[in-house]
Amino acid sequence: MQPSGPHPTIPRVVFHALLICTDETCAEEIEAYGTRLEELEALACECGCALQLIAVSDVEFLRPRTRVLLDLAA
């Protein structure tokens, strides 16, 4: 197992998107995750048509500000 480099390797922001196929005869809906919106907009449906973003949310990962030691019960 190789350790991470000196800089954080986990992205700070991750997008969660709901996409729908642009072909009206295809009812495909897909949930996808990505670190850039361009990645999500470039996805294609299995039928070969483009996917359209219909909902997107972002999650930002933050480091805890302080560490707290908890006493364990005996």
Protein backbone atom coordinates (compact mmCIF):
# COMPACT_ATOMS: atom_id res chain seq x y z
CA MET A 1 0.00 0.00 0.00
CA GLN A 2 1.39 3.38 -0.98
CA PRO A 3 0.84 6.38 1.33
CA SER A 4 -0.73 9.62 0.11
CA GLY A 5 1.49 12.47 -0.98
CA PRO A 6 2.11 15.59 1.09
CA HIS A 7 -0.99 17.30 -0.34
CA PRO A 8 -4.55 16.05 0.24
CA THR A 9 -5.57 13.53 -2.41
CA ILE A 10 -9.29 13.50 -1.62
CA PRO A 11 -11.18 16.22 -3.52
CA ARG A 12 -12.61 18.99 -1.36
CA VAL A 13 -15.91 19.20 -3.30
CA VAL A 14 -17.89 16.35 -4.83
CA PHE A 15 -20.99 16.87 -6.96
CA HIS A 16 -23.96 14.50 -6.81
CA ALA A 17 -26.16 14.74 -9.90
CA LEU A 18 -29.36 13.29 -11.28
CA LEU A 19 -29.33 13.01 -15.06
CA ILE A 20 -31.99 11.98 -17.57
CA CYS A 21 -31.64 10.77 -21.14
CA THR A 22 -32.46 13.40 -23.80
CA ASP A 23 -34.18 10.76 -25.97
CA GLU A 24 -37.91 10.91 -25.19
CA THR A 25 -38.34 7.17 -25.91
CA CYS A 26 -35.65 6.27 -23.35
CA ALA A 27 -36.70 6.62 -19.71
CA GLU A 28 -33.17 6.25 -18.28
CA GLU A 29 -32.38 8.24 -15.13
CA ILE A 30 -28.87 8.07 -13.68
CA GLU A 31 -27.31 9.20 -10.40
CA ALA A 32 -23.66 10.15 -10.77
CA TYR A 33 -20.84 11.64 -8.71
CA GLY A 34 -17.93 13.75 -9.92
CA THR A 35 -15.42 16.32 -8.82
CA ARG A 36 -16.18 18.65 -11.75
CA LEU A 37 -19.49 19.53 -13.40
CA GLU A 38 -17.85 19.13 -16.81
CA GLU A 39 -17.34 15.43 -16.03
CA LEU A 40 -21.04 15.00 -15.31
CA GLU A 41 -22.18 16.98 -18.36
CA ALA A 42 -20.02 14.78 -20.62
CA LEU A 43 -21.78 11.52 -19.64
CA ALA A 44 -23.80 9.65 -22.24
CA CYS A 45 -26.68 7.22 -21.91
CA GLU A 46 -26.26 3.55 -22.81
CA CYS A 47 -28.60 4.16 -25.76
CA GLY A 48 -26.03 6.60 -27.19
CA CYS A 49 -27.90 9.85 -26.51
CA ALA A 50 -26.70 12.69 -24.32
CA LEU A 51 -27.70 12.95 -20.67
CA GLN A 52 -29.15 16.16 -19.27
CA LEU A 53 -28.53 17.37 -15.71
CA ILE A 54 -31.84 17.81 -13.91
CA ALA A 55 -30.55 18.18 -10.34
CA VAL A 56 -27.13 18.73 -8.80
CA SER A 57 -25.87 19.23 -5.27
CA ASP A 58 -22.40 19.64 -3.86
CA VAL A 59 -20.73 18.32 -0.76
CA GLU A 60 -17.67 20.01 0.69
CA PHE A 61 -15.36 17.96 2.88
CA LEU A 62 -13.91 19.87 5.81
CA ARG A 63 -11.31 18.85 8.34
CA PRO A 64 -12.40 18.82 11.99
CA ARG A 65 -11.27 21.99 13.73
CA THR A 66 -10.42 20.45 17.08
CA ARG A 67 -9.78 16.99 18.33
CA VAL A 68 -11.63 15.83 21.39
CA LEU A 69 -10.52 12.90 23.54
CA LEU A 70 -13.39 10.92 24.96
CA ASP A 71 -13.20 8.99 28.20
CA LEU A 72 -14.14 5.37 27.69
CA ALA A 73 -16.38 3.64 30.18
CA ALA A 74 -14.65 1.05 32.32
